[in-house]
Amino acid sequence: MAIFDFKRYHIRSINAASGEERAAINQELRDLYASLPEEEQREFNEQLQKFLATERARQKSGLEAIRGTDNAN
């Protein structure tokens, strides 16, 4: 089972200097996906969905913490 490092792509995308750079990073991910055998594409999708859900939860928690701090003032 391959392990895909989505965090590396995510951090690069966050730090991208332009929309074009961000688009190039996304294209790298699409090219990687296209190069995989079907079974690994399924693993890629599963791992990506898990990563995205984890990131959304982390961001939501951070946002709620900020809102909670703002509401306390």
PDB file of N, CA and C in Angstrom:
ATOM      1  N   MET A   1       0.841  -1.179   0.000  1.00  0.00           N
ATOM      2  CA  MET A   1       0.000   0.000   0.000  1.00  0.00           C
ATOM      3  C   MET A   1       0.888   1.245   0.000  1.00  0.00           C
ATOM      4  N   ALA A   2       0.675   2.095  -0.948  1.00  0.00           N
ATOM      5  CA  ALA A   2       1.425   3.349  -1.043  1.00  0.00           C
ATOM      6  C   ALA A   2       0.856   4.364  -0.057  1.00  0.00           C
ATOM      7  N   ILE A   3       1.729   5.174   0.487  1.00  0.00           N
ATOM      8  CA  ILE A   3       1.316   6.269   1.363  1.00  0.00           C
ATOM      9  C   ILE A   3       1.605   7.569   0.608  1.00  0.00           C
ATOM     10  N   PHE A   4       0.586   8.393   0.458  1.00  0.00           N
ATOM     11  CA  PHE A   4       0.717   9.640  -0.281  1.00  0.00           C
ATOM     12  C   PHE A   4       0.843  10.807   0.694  1.00  0.00           C
ATOM     13  N   ASP A   5       1.791  11.686   0.430  1.00  0.00           N
ATOM     14  CA  ASP A   5       2.083  12.811   1.327  1.00  0.00           C
ATOM     15  C   ASP A   5       1.316  14.053   0.877  1.00  0.00           C
ATOM     16  N   PHE A   6       0.018  14.076   1.165  1.00  0.00           N
ATOM     17  CA  PHE A   6      -0.818  15.204   0.760  1.00  0.00           C
ATOM     18  C   PHE A   6      -0.466  16.474   1.529  1.00  0.00           C
ATOM     19  N   LYS A   7       0.041  16.333   2.738  1.00  0.00           N
ATOM     20  CA  LYS A   7       0.392  17.500   3.532  1.00  0.00           C
ATOM     21  C   LYS A   7       1.473  18.316   2.828  1.00  0.00           C
ATOM     22  N   ARG A   8       2.416  17.646   2.203  1.00  0.00           N
ATOM     23  CA  ARG A   8       3.492  18.335   1.485  1.00  0.00           C
ATOM     24  C   ARG A   8       2.910  19.197   0.368  1.00  0.00           C
ATOM     25  N   TYR A   9       1.977  18.637  -0.388  1.00  0.00           N
ATOM     26  CA  TYR A   9       1.331  19.404  -1.465  1.00  0.00           C
ATOM     27  C   TYR A   9       0.500  20.551  -0.887  1.00  0.00           C
ATOM     28  N   HIS A  10      -0.184  20.275   0.199  1.00  0.00           N
ATOM     29  CA  HIS A  10      -1.038  21.273   0.837  1.00  0.00           C
ATOM     30  C   HIS A  10      -0.213  22.479   1.302  1.00  0.00           C
ATOM     31  N   ILE A  11       0.896  22.211   1.956  1.00  0.00           N
ATOM     32  CA  ILE A  11       1.753  23.294   2.445  1.00  0.00           C
ATOM     33  C   ILE A  11       2.337  24.075   1.275  1.00  0.00           C
ATOM     34  N   ARG A  12       2.761  23.364   0.230  1.00  0.00           N
ATOM     35  CA  ARG A  12       3.276  24.065  -0.949  1.00  0.00           C
ATOM     36  C   ARG A  12       2.200  24.954  -1.556  1.00  0.00           C
ATOM     37  N   SER A  13       0.967  24.463  -1.600  1.00  0.00           N
ATOM     38  CA  SER A  13      -0.126  25.241  -2.172  1.00  0.00           C
ATOM     39  C   SER A  13      -0.431  26.476  -1.322  1.00  0.00           C
ATOM     40  N   ILE A  14      -0.434  26.325  -0.019  1.00  0.00           N
ATOM     41  CA  ILE A  14      -0.661  27.457   0.883  1.00  0.00           C
ATOM     42  C   ILE A  14       0.390  28.536   0.658  1.00  0.00           C
ATOM     43  N   ASN A  15       1.628  28.110   0.454  1.00  0.00           N
ATOM     44  CA  ASN A  15       2.736  29.048   0.310  1.00  0.00           C
ATOM     45  C   ASN A  15       2.986  29.479  -1.132  1.00  0.00           C
ATOM     46  N   ALA A  16       2.147  29.047  -2.049  1.00  0.00           N
ATOM     47  CA  ALA A  16       2.335  29.410  -3.460  1.00  0.00           C
ATOM     48  C   ALA A  16       2.279  30.925  -3.620  1.00  0.00           C
ATOM     49  N   ALA A  17       3.150  31.429  -4.471  1.00  0.00           N
ATOM     50  CA  ALA A  17       3.238  32.877  -4.690  1.00  0.00           C
ATOM     51  C   ALA A  17       2.169  33.388  -5.645  1.00  0.00           C
ATOM     52  N   SER A  18       1.531  32.467  -6.373  1.00  0.00           N
ATOM     53  CA  SER A  18       0.538  32.908  -7.359  1.00  0.00           C
ATOM     54  C   SER A  18      -0.477  31.797  -7.616  1.00  0.00           C
ATOM     55  N   GLY A  19      -1.541  32.182  -8.267  1.00  0.00           N
ATOM     56  CA  GLY A  19      -2.536  31.194  -8.686  1.00  0.00           C
ATOM     57  C   GLY A  19      -1.965  30.212  -9.674  1.00  0.00           C
ATOM     58  N   GLU A  20      -1.044  30.687 -10.514  1.00  0.00           N
ATOM     59  CA  GLU A  20      -0.411  29.805 -11.499  1.00  0.00           C
ATOM     60  C   GLU A  20       0.431  28.739 -10.804  1.00  0.00           C
ATOM     61  N   GLU A  21       1.157  29.141  -9.764  1.00  0.00           N
ATOM     62  CA  GLU A  21       1.963  28.175  -9.022  1.00  0.00           C
ATOM     63  C   GLU A  21       1.063  27.158  -8.333  1.00  0.00           C
ATOM     64  N   ARG A  22      -0.044  27.622  -7.765  1.00  0.00           N
ATOM     65  CA  ARG A  22      -1.000  26.728  -7.114  1.00  0.00           C
ATOM     66  C   ARG A  22      -1.591  25.747  -8.145  1.00  0.00           C
ATOM     67  N   ALA A  23      -1.897  26.251  -9.329  1.00  0.00           N
ATOM     68  CA  ALA A  23      -2.441  25.398 -10.392  1.00  0.00           C
ATOM     69  C   ALA A  23      -1.416  24.340 -10.814  1.00  0.00           C
ATOM     70  N   ALA A  24      -0.137  24.712 -10.848  1.00  0.00           N
ATOM     71  CA  ALA A  24       0.909  23.753 -11.210  1.00  0.00           C
ATOM     72  C   ALA A  24       1.015  22.643 -10.161  1.00  0.00           C
ATOM     73  N   ILE A  25       0.876  23.005  -8.903  1.00  0.00           N
ATOM     74  CA  ILE A  25       0.913  22.007  -7.823  1.00  0.00           C
ATOM     75  C   ILE A  25      -0.277  21.069  -7.950  1.00  0.00           C
ATOM     76  N   ASN A  26      -1.456  21.612  -8.224  1.00  0.00           N
ATOM     77  CA  ASN A  26      -2.636  20.769  -8.424  1.00  0.00           C
ATOM     78  C   ASN A  26      -2.458  19.852  -9.623  1.00  0.00           C
ATOM     79  N   GLN A  27      -1.806  20.357 -10.674  1.00  0.00           N
ATOM     80  CA  GLN A  27      -1.556  19.521 -11.851  1.00  0.00           C
ATOM     81  C   GLN A  27      -0.612  18.376 -11.509  1.00  0.00           C
ATOM     82  N   GLU A  28       0.382  18.638 -10.661  1.00  0.00           N
ATOM     83  CA  GLU A  28       1.277  17.563 -10.204  1.00  0.00           C
ATOM     84  C   GLU A  28       0.470  16.439  -9.562  1.00  0.00           C
ATOM     85  N   LEU A  29      -0.492  16.817  -8.713  1.00  0.00           N
ATOM     86  CA  LEU A  29      -1.330  15.804  -8.066  1.00  0.00           C
ATOM     87  C   LEU A  29      -2.156  15.037  -9.085  1.00  0.00           C
ATOM     88  N   ARG A  30      -2.732  15.752 -10.062  1.00  0.00           N
ATOM     89  CA  ARG A  30      -3.525  15.069 -11.106  1.00  0.00           C
ATOM     90  C   ARG A  30      -2.646  14.123 -11.928  1.00  0.00           C
ATOM     91  N   ASP A  31      -1.427  14.566 -12.237  1.00  0.00           N
ATOM     92  CA  ASP A  31      -0.509  13.719 -13.005  1.00  0.00           C
ATOM     93  C   ASP A  31      -0.112  12.483 -12.206  1.00  0.00           C
ATOM     94  N   LEU A  32       0.146  12.681 -10.912  1.00  0.00           N
ATOM     95  CA  LEU A  32       0.469  11.539 -10.055  1.00  0.00           C
ATOM     96  C   LEU A  32      -0.676  10.542 -10.063  1.00  0.00           C
ATOM     97  N   TYR A  33      -1.896  11.040  -9.856  1.00  0.00           N
ATOM     98  CA  TYR A  33      -3.073  10.173  -9.853  1.00  0.00           C
ATOM     99  C   TYR A  33      -3.193   9.408 -11.173  1.00  0.00           C
ATOM    100  N   ALA A  34      -3.033  10.106 -12.282  1.00  0.00           N
ATOM    101  CA  ALA A  34      -3.181   9.479 -13.604  1.00  0.00           C
ATOM    102  C   ALA A  34      -2.123   8.411 -13.850  1.00  0.00           C
ATOM    103  N   SER A  35      -0.969   8.532 -13.203  1.00  0.00           N
ATOM    104  CA  SER A  35       0.113   7.569 -13.415  1.00  0.00           C
ATOM    105  C   SER A  35      -0.053   6.286 -12.609  1.00  0.00           C
ATOM    106  N   LEU A  36      -1.007   6.287 -11.689  1.00  0.00           N
ATOM    107  CA  LEU A  36      -1.179   5.148 -10.784  1.00  0.00           C
ATOM    108  C   LEU A  36      -2.038   4.052 -11.400  1.00  0.00           C
ATOM    109  N   PRO A  37      -1.753   2.798 -11.048  1.00  0.00           N
ATOM    110  CA  PRO A  37      -2.660   1.717 -11.413  1.00  0.00           C
ATOM    111  C   PRO A  37      -4.003   1.909 -10.702  1.00  0.00           C
ATOM    112  N   GLU A  38      -5.034   1.276 -11.196  1.00  0.00           N
ATOM    113  CA  GLU A  38      -6.386   1.462 -10.669  1.00  0.00           C
ATOM    114  C   GLU A  38      -6.487   1.234  -9.163  1.00  0.00           C
ATOM    115  N   GLU A  39      -5.864   0.195  -8.658  1.00  0.00           N
ATOM    116  CA  GLU A  39      -5.931  -0.097  -7.217  1.00  0.00           C
ATOM    117  C   GLU A  39      -5.310   1.044  -6.412  1.00  0.00           C
ATOM    118  N   GLU A  40      -4.175   1.552  -6.865  1.00  0.00           N
ATOM    119  CA  GLU A  40      -3.532   2.645  -6.153  1.00  0.00           C
ATOM    120  C   GLU A  40      -4.328   3.945  -6.292  1.00  0.00           C
ATOM    121  N   GLN A  41      -5.061   4.101  -7.388  1.00  0.00           N
ATOM    122  CA  GLN A  41      -5.931   5.271  -7.518  1.00  0.00           C
ATOM    123  C   GLN A  41      -7.009   5.252  -6.443  1.00  0.00           C
ATOM    124  N   ARG A  42      -7.542   4.069  -6.147  1.00  0.00           N
ATOM    125  CA  ARG A  42      -8.533   3.952  -5.073  1.00  0.00           C
ATOM    126  C   ARG A  42      -7.913   4.331  -3.727  1.00  0.00           C
ATOM    127  N   GLU A  43      -6.697   3.839  -3.475  1.00  0.00           N
ATOM    128  CA  GLU A  43      -5.996   4.172  -2.230  1.00  0.00           C
ATOM    129  C   GLU A  43      -5.731   5.675  -2.164  1.00  0.00           C
ATOM    130  N   PHE A  44      -5.314   6.260  -3.279  1.00  0.00           N
ATOM    131  CA  PHE A  44      -5.065   7.695  -3.368  1.00  0.00           C
ATOM    132  C   PHE A  44      -6.321   8.456  -2.975  1.00  0.00           C
ATOM    133  N   ASN A  45      -7.452   8.094  -3.571  1.00  0.00           N
ATOM    134  CA  ASN A  45      -8.716   8.767  -3.273  1.00  0.00           C
ATOM    135  C   ASN A  45      -9.101   8.626  -1.805  1.00  0.00           C
ATOM    136  N   GLU A  46      -8.954   7.440  -1.253  1.00  0.00           N
ATOM    137  CA  GLU A  46      -9.296   7.216   0.152  1.00  0.00           C
ATOM    138  C   GLU A  46      -8.411   8.048   1.068  1.00  0.00           C
ATOM    139  N   GLN A  47      -7.119   8.039   0.799  1.00  0.00           N
ATOM    140  CA  GLN A  47      -6.194   8.811   1.627  1.00  0.00           C
ATOM    141  C   GLN A  47      -6.435  10.312   1.473  1.00  0.00           C
ATOM    142  N   LEU A  48      -6.738  10.752   0.252  1.00  0.00           N
ATOM    143  CA  LEU A  48      -7.012  12.168   0.024  1.00  0.00           C
ATOM    144  C   LEU A  48      -8.263  12.602   0.781  1.00  0.00           C
ATOM    145  N   GLN A  49      -9.309  11.801   0.723  1.00  0.00           N
ATOM    146  CA  GLN A  49     -10.541  12.138   1.438  1.00  0.00           C
ATOM    147  C   GLN A  49     -10.296  12.212   2.946  1.00  0.00           C
ATOM    148  N   LYS A  50      -9.511  11.281   3.461  1.00  0.00           N
ATOM    149  CA  LYS A  50      -9.192  11.293   4.893  1.00  0.00           C
ATOM    150  C   LYS A  50      -8.385  12.540   5.239  1.00  0.00           C
ATOM    151  N   PHE A  51      -7.398  12.887   4.406  1.00  0.00           N
ATOM    152  CA  PHE A  51      -6.589  14.075   4.649  1.00  0.00           C
ATOM    153  C   PHE A  51      -7.464  15.326   4.639  1.00  0.00           C
ATOM    154  N   LEU A  52      -8.333  15.444   3.637  1.00  0.00           N
ATOM    155  CA  LEU A  52      -9.186  16.626   3.521  1.00  0.00           C
ATOM    156  C   LEU A  52     -10.141  16.745   4.715  1.00  0.00           C
ATOM    157  N   ALA A  53     -10.697  15.629   5.147  1.00  0.00           N
ATOM    158  CA  ALA A  53     -11.600  15.653   6.303  1.00  0.00           C
ATOM    159  C   ALA A  53     -10.838  16.079   7.564  1.00  0.00           C
ATOM    160  N   THR A  54      -9.638  15.578   7.729  1.00  0.00           N
ATOM    161  CA  THR A  54      -8.816  15.937   8.881  1.00  0.00           C
ATOM    162  C   THR A  54      -8.465  17.422   8.847  1.00  0.00           C
ATOM    163  N   GLU A  55      -8.089  17.927   7.667  1.00  0.00           N
ATOM    164  CA  GLU A  55      -7.745  19.344   7.537  1.00  0.00           C
ATOM    165  C   GLU A  55      -8.953  20.233   7.808  1.00  0.00           C
ATOM    166  N   ARG A  56     -10.110  19.852   7.276  1.00  0.00           N
ATOM    167  CA  ARG A  56     -11.325  20.641   7.529  1.00  0.00           C
ATOM    168  C   ARG A  56     -11.631  20.692   9.019  1.00  0.00           C
ATOM    169  N   ALA A  57     -11.518  19.558   9.688  1.00  0.00           N
ATOM    170  CA  ALA A  57     -11.796  19.507  11.127  1.00  0.00           C
ATOM    171  C   ALA A  57     -10.791  20.365  11.888  1.00  0.00           C
ATOM    172  N   ARG A  58      -9.526  20.320  11.492  1.00  0.00           N
ATOM    173  CA  ARG A  58      -8.496  21.118  12.149  1.00  0.00           C
ATOM    174  C   ARG A  58      -8.777  22.603  11.956  1.00  0.00           C
ATOM    175  N   GLN A  59      -9.126  22.985  10.733  1.00  0.00           N
ATOM    176  CA  GLN A  59      -9.416  24.391  10.455  1.00  0.00           C
ATOM    177  C   GLN A  59     -10.670  24.857  11.190  1.00  0.00           C
ATOM    178  N   LYS A  60     -11.685  24.007  11.237  1.00  0.00           N
ATOM    179  CA  LYS A  60     -12.917  24.356  11.940  1.00  0.00           C
ATOM    180  C   LYS A  60     -12.633  24.559  13.421  1.00  0.00           C
ATOM    181  N   SER A  61     -11.827  23.678  13.984  1.00  0.00           N
ATOM    182  CA  SER A  61     -11.481  23.794  15.394  1.00  0.00           C
ATOM    183  C   SER A  61     -10.731  25.094  15.666  1.00  0.00           C
ATOM    184  N   GLY A  62      -9.790  25.426  14.768  1.00  0.00           N
ATOM    185  CA  GLY A  62      -9.055  26.677  14.923  1.00  0.00           C
ATOM    186  C   GLY A  62      -9.961  27.889  14.813  1.00  0.00           C
ATOM    187  N   LEU A  63     -10.879  27.850  13.862  1.00  0.00           N
ATOM    188  CA  LEU A  63     -11.817  28.953  13.683  1.00  0.00           C
ATOM    189  C   LEU A  63     -12.722  29.102  14.899  1.00  0.00           C
ATOM    190  N   GLU A  64     -13.200  27.976  15.417  1.00  0.00           N
ATOM    191  CA  GLU A  64     -14.052  28.026  16.608  1.00  0.00           C
ATOM    192  C   GLU A  64     -13.282  28.563  17.803  1.00  0.00           C
ATOM    193  N   ALA A  65     -12.007  28.227  17.906  1.00  0.00           N
ATOM    194  CA  ALA A  65     -11.185  28.741  19.003  1.00  0.00           C
ATOM    195  C   ALA A  65     -11.037  30.252  18.879  1.00  0.00           C
ATOM    196  N   ILE A  66     -10.846  30.732  17.668  1.00  0.00           N
ATOM    197  CA  ILE A  66     -10.720  32.175  17.455  1.00  0.00           C
ATOM    198  C   ILE A  66     -12.043  32.865  17.771  1.00  0.00           C
ATOM    199  N   ARG A  67     -13.124  32.300  17.288  1.00  0.00           N
ATOM    200  CA  ARG A  67     -14.429  32.891  17.571  1.00  0.00           C
ATOM    201  C   ARG A  67     -14.730  32.891  19.058  1.00  0.00           C
ATOM    202  N   GLY A  68     -14.353  31.829  19.742  1.00  0.00           N
ATOM    203  CA  GLY A  68     -14.566  31.755  21.180  1.00  0.00           C
ATOM    204  C   GLY A  68     -13.774  32.824  21.909  1.00  0.00           C
ATOM    205  N   THR A  69     -12.563  33.083  21.450  1.00  0.00           N
ATOM    206  CA  THR A  69     -11.736  34.134  22.031  1.00  0.00           C
ATOM    207  C   THR A  69     -12.345  35.494  21.788  1.00  0.00           C
ATOM    208  N   ASP A  70     -12.827  35.718  20.557  1.00  0.00           N
ATOM    209  CA  ASP A  70     -13.461  36.999  20.228  1.00  0.00           C
ATOM    210  C   ASP A  70     -14.726  37.218  21.041  1.00  0.00           C
ATOM    211  N   ASN A  71     -15.504  36.174  21.230  1.00  0.00           N
ATOM    212  CA  ASN A  71     -16.751  36.298  21.979  1.00  0.00           C
ATOM    213  C   ASN A  71     -16.513  36.562  23.455  1.00  0.00           C
ATOM    214  N   ALA A  72     -15.367  36.140  23.968  1.00  0.00           N
ATOM    215  CA  ALA A  72     -15.061  36.318  25.388  1.00  0.00           C
ATOM    216  C   ALA A  72     -14.688  37.773  25.692  1.00  0.00           C
ATOM    217  N   ASN A  73     -14.305  38.519  24.676  1.00  0.00           N
ATOM    218  CA  ASN A  73     -13.874  39.920  24.904  1.00  0.00           C
ATOM    219  C   ASN A  73     -15.025  40.840  24.901  1.00  0.00           C
TER     220      ASN A  73
END
